[in-house]
Amino acid sequence: MHLFNQKYWGKQSRKDWLVNGDRHSPFFHQNMKAGKARSTIVKIQGSSGVWVDEVSLVESVFVNEFSSRFTSTQASRPTVHLDGASLVTHAENAQLLQPVLDSEIKDALFQMDKFKAPGPDGFGAAFFQNHWQIVKD
């Protein structure tokens, strides 16, 4: 019975949100205030076990605790030994520094699957493949 009530009222709240949600109504603002109140940290327990509830102290305790938990224990960076590793030669470096040719860009683009995820500009490979004559320059 409890599970049924939980599902029923959950559906009702979603229905209320769909009907009254994003209309700058009192319902909308009440929900936004309640969400902000739920996600606000009003007090925090420091590493010494003392509860702190003053706003500026809560912030500093939070930052200090976070920093202490996520700080590296290593004093310095590890040393990397390159014994036996192949290094880039001067000739290879010169080749790597050559400008990229338009034909190389076209070859790479047309080897891509048209339906892969789009890039940060929102355009996928299909757009550039279909409009290559316009966008190549």
C-alpha atoms as a PDB file:
ATOM      1  CA  MET A   1       0.000   0.000   0.000  1.00  0.00           C
ATOM      2  CA  HIS A   2       2.850   2.362   0.848  1.00  0.00           C
ATOM      3  CA  LEU A   3       4.517   1.738  -2.529  1.00  0.00           C
ATOM      4  CA  PHE A   4       1.221   2.379  -4.329  1.00  0.00           C
ATOM      5  CA  ASN A   5       0.765   5.702  -2.501  1.00  0.00           C
ATOM      6  CA  GLN A   6       4.334   6.688  -3.286  1.00  0.00           C
ATOM      7  CA  LYS A   7       3.870   5.967  -6.996  1.00  0.00           C
ATOM      8  CA  TYR A   8       0.476   7.669  -7.084  1.00  0.00           C
ATOM      9  CA  TRP A   9       1.658  10.892  -5.440  1.00  0.00           C
ATOM     10  CA  GLY A  10       4.833  10.847  -7.521  1.00  0.00           C
ATOM     11  CA  LYS A  11       2.721  10.782 -10.680  1.00  0.00           C
ATOM     12  CA  GLN A  12       0.498  13.543  -9.300  1.00  0.00           C
ATOM     13  CA  SER A  13       3.482  15.786  -8.565  1.00  0.00           C
ATOM     14  CA  ARG A  14       4.858  15.237 -12.081  1.00  0.00           C
ATOM     15  CA  LYS A  15       1.428  16.027 -13.496  1.00  0.00           C
ATOM     16  CA  ASP A  16       1.267  19.222 -11.425  1.00  0.00           C
ATOM     17  CA  TRP A  17       4.701  20.212 -12.666  1.00  0.00           C
ATOM     18  CA  LEU A  18       3.756  19.589 -16.309  1.00  0.00           C
ATOM     19  CA  VAL A  19       0.582  21.630 -15.938  1.00  0.00           C
ATOM     20  CA  ASN A  20       1.800  24.467 -13.709  1.00  0.00           C
ATOM     21  CA  GLY A  21       5.566  24.138 -13.817  1.00  0.00           C
ATOM     22  CA  ASP A  22       7.338  26.713 -15.937  1.00  0.00           C
ATOM     23  CA  ARG A  23       4.812  29.555 -16.018  1.00  0.00           C
ATOM     24  CA  HIS A  24       6.283  31.919 -13.423  1.00  0.00           C
ATOM     25  CA  SER A  25       3.370  30.895 -11.286  1.00  0.00           C
ATOM     26  CA  PRO A  26       3.462  30.779  -7.478  1.00  0.00           C
ATOM     27  CA  PHE A  27       3.740  26.981  -7.859  1.00  0.00           C
ATOM     28  CA  PHE A  28       6.917  27.362  -9.937  1.00  0.00           C
ATOM     29  CA  HIS A  29       8.524  29.819  -7.535  1.00  0.00           C
ATOM     30  CA  GLN A  30       7.573  27.717  -4.515  1.00  0.00           C
ATOM     31  CA  ASN A  31       9.285  24.684  -6.082  1.00  0.00           C
ATOM     32  CA  MET A  32      12.398  26.694  -6.925  1.00  0.00           C
ATOM     33  CA  LYS A  33      12.646  28.054  -3.367  1.00  0.00           C
ATOM     34  CA  ALA A  34      12.160  24.571  -1.903  1.00  0.00           C
ATOM     35  CA  GLY A  35      14.889  23.140  -4.162  1.00  0.00           C
ATOM     36  CA  LYS A  36      17.300  25.889  -3.194  1.00  0.00           C
ATOM     37  CA  ALA A  37      16.562  25.339   0.503  1.00  0.00           C
ATOM     38  CA  ARG A  38      17.167  21.579   0.148  1.00  0.00           C
ATOM     39  CA  SER A  39      20.525  22.071  -1.558  1.00  0.00           C
ATOM     40  CA  THR A  40      21.895  24.698   0.838  1.00  0.00           C
ATOM     41  CA  ILE A  41      24.527  23.631   3.346  1.00  0.00           C
ATOM     42  CA  VAL A  42      23.645  25.368   6.624  1.00  0.00           C
ATOM     43  CA  LYS A  43      26.118  23.598   8.898  1.00  0.00           C
ATOM     44  CA  ILE A  44      29.074  21.284   8.568  1.00  0.00           C
ATOM     45  CA  GLN A  45      31.117  19.133  10.914  1.00  0.00           C
ATOM     46  CA  GLY A  46      34.842  19.852  10.768  1.00  0.00           C
ATOM     47  CA  SER A  47      37.647  17.315  11.130  1.00  0.00           C
ATOM     48  CA  SER A  48      37.798  18.117  14.858  1.00  0.00           C
ATOM     49  CA  GLY A  49      34.168  16.977  15.244  1.00  0.00           C
ATOM     50  CA  VAL A  50      32.788  20.447  16.011  1.00  0.00           C
ATOM     51  CA  TRP A  51      29.694  21.565  14.105  1.00  0.00           C
ATOM     52  CA  VAL A  52      30.022  24.972  12.421  1.00  0.00           C
ATOM     53  CA  ASP A  53      26.947  26.953  11.383  1.00  0.00           C
ATOM     54  CA  GLU A  54      28.272  30.459  10.631  1.00  0.00           C
ATOM     55  CA  VAL A  55      28.155  31.054   6.864  1.00  0.00           C
ATOM     56  CA  SER A  56      31.735  32.252   6.354  1.00  0.00           C
ATOM     57  CA  LEU A  57      33.112  29.481   8.574  1.00  0.00           C
ATOM     58  CA  VAL A  58      31.020  26.831   6.802  1.00  0.00           C
ATOM     59  CA  GLU A  59      32.599  27.907   3.514  1.00  0.00           C
ATOM     60  CA  SER A  60      36.151  27.812   4.859  1.00  0.00           C
ATOM     61  CA  VAL A  61      35.663  24.441   6.606  1.00  0.00           C
ATOM     62  CA  PHE A  62      34.170  23.003   3.412  1.00  0.00           C
ATOM     63  CA  VAL A  63      37.066  24.245   1.266  1.00  0.00           C
ATOM     64  CA  ASN A  64      39.680  23.059   3.783  1.00  0.00           C
ATOM     65  CA  GLU A  65      38.101  19.590   4.087  1.00  0.00           C
ATOM     66  CA  PHE A  66      37.800  19.268   0.312  1.00  0.00           C
ATOM     67  CA  SER A  67      41.403  20.395  -0.203  1.00  0.00           C
ATOM     68  CA  SER A  68      42.764  18.025   2.417  1.00  0.00           C
ATOM     69  CA  ARG A  69      40.897  15.032   0.969  1.00  0.00           C
ATOM     70  CA  PHE A  70      41.867  15.661  -2.641  1.00  0.00           C
ATOM     71  CA  THR A  71      45.489  16.732  -2.294  1.00  0.00           C
ATOM     72  CA  SER A  72      48.220  14.516  -3.637  1.00  0.00           C
ATOM     73  CA  THR A  73      50.383  12.844  -1.026  1.00  0.00           C
ATOM     74  CA  GLN A  74      53.376  12.848  -3.372  1.00  0.00           C
ATOM     75  CA  ALA A  75      55.828  15.653  -2.636  1.00  0.00           C
ATOM     76  CA  SER A  76      57.116  15.890  -6.197  1.00  0.00           C
ATOM     77  CA  ARG A  77      56.471  14.528  -9.633  1.00  0.00           C
ATOM     78  CA  PRO A  78      57.826  11.057 -10.365  1.00  0.00           C
ATOM     79  CA  THR A  79      60.971  10.804 -12.433  1.00  0.00           C
ATOM     80  CA  VAL A  80      60.502   9.341 -15.904  1.00  0.00           C
ATOM     81  CA  HIS A  81      63.320   7.152 -17.230  1.00  0.00           C
ATOM     82  CA  LEU A  82      63.586   7.049 -21.002  1.00  0.00           C
ATOM     83  CA  ASP A  83      66.013   4.167 -21.244  1.00  0.00           C
ATOM     84  CA  GLY A  84      65.224   2.203 -24.372  1.00  0.00           C
ATOM     85  CA  ALA A  85      62.384   4.531 -25.396  1.00  0.00           C
ATOM     86  CA  SER A  86      62.393   5.774 -28.953  1.00  0.00           C
ATOM     87  CA  LEU A  87      62.547   9.539 -29.274  1.00  0.00           C
ATOM     88  CA  VAL A  88      61.371  11.684 -32.148  1.00  0.00           C
ATOM     89  CA  THR A  89      64.271  12.382 -34.488  1.00  0.00           C
ATOM     90  CA  HIS A  90      64.919  15.796 -36.060  1.00  0.00           C
ATOM     91  CA  ALA A  91      63.670  14.526 -39.422  1.00  0.00           C
ATOM     92  CA  GLU A  92      60.456  13.149 -37.876  1.00  0.00           C
ATOM     93  CA  ASN A  93      59.965  16.394 -35.953  1.00  0.00           C
ATOM     94  CA  ALA A  94      60.353  18.423 -39.164  1.00  0.00           C
ATOM     95  CA  GLN A  95      57.761  16.187 -40.849  1.00  0.00           C
ATOM     96  CA  LEU A  96      55.343  16.590 -37.913  1.00  0.00           C
ATOM     97  CA  LEU A  97      55.654  20.372 -38.085  1.00  0.00           C
ATOM     98  CA  GLN A  98      54.664  20.532 -41.777  1.00  0.00           C
ATOM     99  CA  PRO A  99      51.305  22.257 -42.421  1.00  0.00           C
ATOM    100  CA  VAL A 100      48.352  19.949 -42.920  1.00  0.00           C
ATOM    101  CA  LEU A 101      47.331  19.635 -46.577  1.00  0.00           C
ATOM    102  CA  ASP A 102      43.749  20.105 -47.745  1.00  0.00           C
ATOM    103  CA  SER A 103      43.825  16.649 -49.326  1.00  0.00           C
ATOM    104  CA  GLU A 104      44.754  15.118 -45.933  1.00  0.00           C
ATOM    105  CA  ILE A 105      41.809  16.889 -44.270  1.00  0.00           C
ATOM    106  CA  LYS A 106      39.450  15.686 -47.008  1.00  0.00           C
ATOM    107  CA  ASP A 107      40.736  12.104 -46.765  1.00  0.00           C
ATOM    108  CA  ALA A 108      40.269  12.060 -42.978  1.00  0.00           C
ATOM    109  CA  LEU A 109      36.806  13.634 -43.205  1.00  0.00           C
ATOM    110  CA  PHE A 110      35.520  11.206 -45.815  1.00  0.00           C
ATOM    111  CA  GLN A 111      36.808   8.215 -43.819  1.00  0.00           C
ATOM    112  CA  MET A 112      34.562   9.228 -40.897  1.00  0.00           C
ATOM    113  CA  ASP A 113      31.141   7.651 -40.391  1.00  0.00           C
ATOM    114  CA  LYS A 114      28.445  10.158 -41.353  1.00  0.00           C
ATOM    115  CA  PHE A 115      26.294   9.365 -38.357  1.00  0.00           C
ATOM    116  CA  LYS A 116      28.808   9.759 -35.532  1.00  0.00           C
ATOM    117  CA  ALA A 117      28.150  12.332 -32.823  1.00  0.00           C
ATOM    118  CA  PRO A 118      28.445  15.950 -33.952  1.00  0.00           C
ATOM    119  CA  GLY A 119      31.352  18.146 -32.959  1.00  0.00           C
ATOM    120  CA  PRO A 120      31.225  21.109 -30.564  1.00  0.00           C
ATOM    121  CA  ASP A 121      29.749  23.274 -33.318  1.00  0.00           C
ATOM    122  CA  GLY A 122      26.760  20.901 -33.639  1.00  0.00           C
ATOM    123  CA  PHE A 123      27.630  19.744 -37.148  1.00  0.00           C
ATOM    124  CA  GLY A 124      28.389  16.097 -37.826  1.00  0.00           C
ATOM    125  CA  ALA A 125      30.605  14.567 -40.479  1.00  0.00           C
ATOM    126  CA  ALA A 126      27.631  14.186 -42.823  1.00  0.00           C
ATOM    127  CA  PHE A 127      27.216  17.967 -43.051  1.00  0.00           C
ATOM    128  CA  PHE A 128      30.841  18.519 -44.007  1.00  0.00           C
ATOM    129  CA  GLN A 129      30.867  15.579 -46.429  1.00  0.00           C
ATOM    130  CA  ASN A 130      27.688  16.749 -48.176  1.00  0.00           C
ATOM    131  CA  HIS A 131      28.811  20.394 -48.371  1.00  0.00           C
ATOM    132  CA  TRP A 132      32.549  19.871 -48.900  1.00  0.00           C
ATOM    133  CA  GLN A 133      32.679  22.166 -51.962  1.00  0.00           C
ATOM    134  CA  ILE A 134      31.353  25.064 -49.863  1.00  0.00           C
ATOM    135  CA  VAL A 135      33.176  24.523 -46.555  1.00  0.00           C
ATOM    136  CA  LYS A 136      36.579  23.257 -47.784  1.00  0.00           C
ATOM    137  CA  ASP A 137      38.140  26.726 -47.743  1.00  0.00           C
END
